[in-house]
Each structure stands twice: as structure tokens, then as C-alpha cells.
């Protein structure tokens, strides 16, 4: 019997996704801290903040933070499980290497 590779193996996938969720949970807290700092900065600069500005700041800062975190966490997940090694480079024989 051959062993499944990377995320095809249920045990490896379970560990990897648990790790991914843990990273994202911690980074959600970090994003909330960055959002709070951004709101404090804006409050001290203008002292009057309309509700629309507060909502836009919260959504903009937190969602941008989480998007970057999610993409990086998925890259680490892919590399850490060996999923990257499964990719076949179909052009490696066609592209000459410059020595």
C-alpha cells in the first residue's frame, strides 16, 4: 500500500488545517489590535469621527490585515505539508539553464 502525500493524507490534512486555524485566530487578534491602534490614531488627529469613518476604518484595516495573513498562512500550509513538492514542472526540460 502506498502512502498518500501531503494534503491527500487525512492525518496530515487534519494537523495542517488545525495549525492554519490556530494561526488565523491569533492573527485575528493581532488585526483587532492594529485596528484599535488605527482608530486611536485617527481619533487623536481629528477628535471627531463620524460613524461611517469608524466603520470604514474597522473594515478596511482588519480585512486588509486578514487577507494578507490568510494568503501567507496558506503559503506556509502548502510548503509545510509537502504539497509544493507534488507540483510537476513541465517546462524544466524546455528552459535552458545559464551556467
Protein backbone atom coordinates (compact mmCIF):
# COMPACT_ATOMS: atom_id res chain seq x y z
CA UNK A 1 0.00 0.00 0.00
CA UNK A 2 1.40 3.40 -0.95
CA UNK A 3 1.20 6.31 1.43
CA UNK A 4 -0.82 9.30 0.33
CA UNK A 5 1.13 12.52 0.00
CA UNK A 6 0.67 15.95 1.51
CA UNK A 7 -2.90 17.07 1.99
CA UNK A 8 -4.25 13.86 0.43
CA UNK A 9 -3.45 12.08 3.71
CA UNK A 10 -6.29 12.78 6.20
CA UNK A 11 -3.94 12.83 9.20
CA UNK A 12 -1.57 15.35 7.64
CA UNK A 13 -4.50 17.44 6.43
CA UNK A 14 -6.12 17.48 9.89
CA UNK A 15 -2.91 18.66 11.55
CA UNK A 16 -2.26 21.25 8.84
CA UNK A 17 -5.77 22.74 8.97
CA UNK A 18 -5.70 22.83 12.77
CA UNK A 19 -2.43 24.75 12.58
CA UNK A 20 -3.89 27.08 9.95
CA UNK A 21 -6.94 27.84 12.12
CA UNK A 22 -4.73 28.49 15.16
CA UNK A 23 -2.55 30.91 13.17
CA UNK A 24 -5.62 32.71 11.82
CA UNK A 25 -7.18 33.01 15.28
CA UNK A 26 -4.04 34.63 16.71
CA UNK A 27 -3.72 36.90 13.71
CA UNK A 28 -7.38 37.95 14.03
CA UNK A 29 -6.47 39.23 17.49
CA UNK A 30 -3.43 40.97 16.02
CA UNK A 31 -5.65 42.53 13.37
CA UNK A 32 -8.03 43.75 16.05
CA UNK A 33 -5.10 45.35 17.88
CA UNK A 34 -3.95 47.08 14.68
CA UNK A 35 -7.50 48.27 14.05
CA UNK A 36 -7.71 49.70 17.57
CA UNK A 37 -4.39 51.50 17.08
CA UNK A 38 -5.59 52.95 13.77
CA UNK A 39 -8.81 54.18 15.40
CA UNK A 40 -6.89 55.74 18.28
CA UNK A 41 -4.54 57.48 15.85
CA UNK A 42 -7.44 58.88 13.84
CA UNK A 43 -9.27 59.97 17.00
CA UNK A 44 -6.26 61.90 18.31
CA UNK A 45 -5.69 63.51 14.91
CA UNK A 46 -9.27 64.69 14.30
CA UNK A 47 -11.19 64.18 17.58
CA UNK A 48 -14.45 63.95 15.66
CA UNK A 49 -15.09 60.74 13.83
CA UNK A 50 -18.36 60.08 12.02
CA UNK A 51 -19.72 56.56 12.35
CA UNK A 52 -19.07 55.93 8.65
CA UNK A 53 -15.40 56.70 9.13
CA UNK A 54 -15.21 54.32 12.08
CA UNK A 55 -16.90 51.50 10.17
CA UNK A 56 -14.74 52.06 7.08
CA UNK A 57 -11.57 52.08 9.18
CA UNK A 58 -12.51 48.91 11.02
CA UNK A 59 -13.41 47.05 7.84
CA UNK A 60 -10.51 48.39 5.81
CA UNK A 61 -7.75 47.77 8.34
CA UNK A 62 -8.99 44.44 9.68
CA UNK A 63 -9.93 42.90 6.32
CA UNK A 64 -6.65 44.00 4.73
CA UNK A 65 -4.72 42.55 7.66
CA UNK A 66 -6.64 39.27 7.48
CA UNK A 67 -6.28 38.96 3.70
CA UNK A 68 -2.51 39.28 3.91
CA UNK A 69 -2.38 36.90 6.86
CA UNK A 70 -4.58 34.33 5.14
CA UNK A 71 -2.53 34.31 1.97
CA UNK A 72 0.75 33.95 3.87
CA UNK A 73 -0.69 31.24 6.13
CA UNK A 74 -1.84 29.28 3.08
CA UNK A 75 1.64 29.56 1.58
CA UNK A 76 3.14 28.21 4.81
CA UNK A 77 0.49 25.46 4.91
CA UNK A 78 1.30 24.42 1.36
CA UNK A 79 5.04 24.35 1.99
CA UNK A 80 4.84 22.75 5.43
CA UNK A 81 2.76 19.77 4.28
CA UNK A 82 4.92 18.94 1.28
CA UNK A 83 2.20 19.98 -1.13
CA UNK A 84 4.68 22.15 -3.05
CA UNK A 85 6.87 19.14 -3.86
CA UNK A 86 3.98 17.45 -5.69
CA UNK A 87 3.90 20.09 -8.39
CA UNK A 88 5.36 18.93 -11.70
CA UNK A 89 7.49 21.42 -13.59
CA UNK A 90 6.59 20.68 -17.20
CA UNK A 91 8.94 23.34 -18.55
CA UNK A 92 12.13 22.29 -16.75
CA UNK A 93 13.41 20.37 -19.80
CA UNK A 94 12.47 23.15 -22.23
CA UNK A 95 14.16 26.07 -20.47
CA UNK A 96 17.97 26.06 -20.77
CA UNK A 97 19.89 26.78 -17.61
CA UNK A 98 22.53 29.51 -17.84
CA UNK A 99 25.66 28.40 -16.04
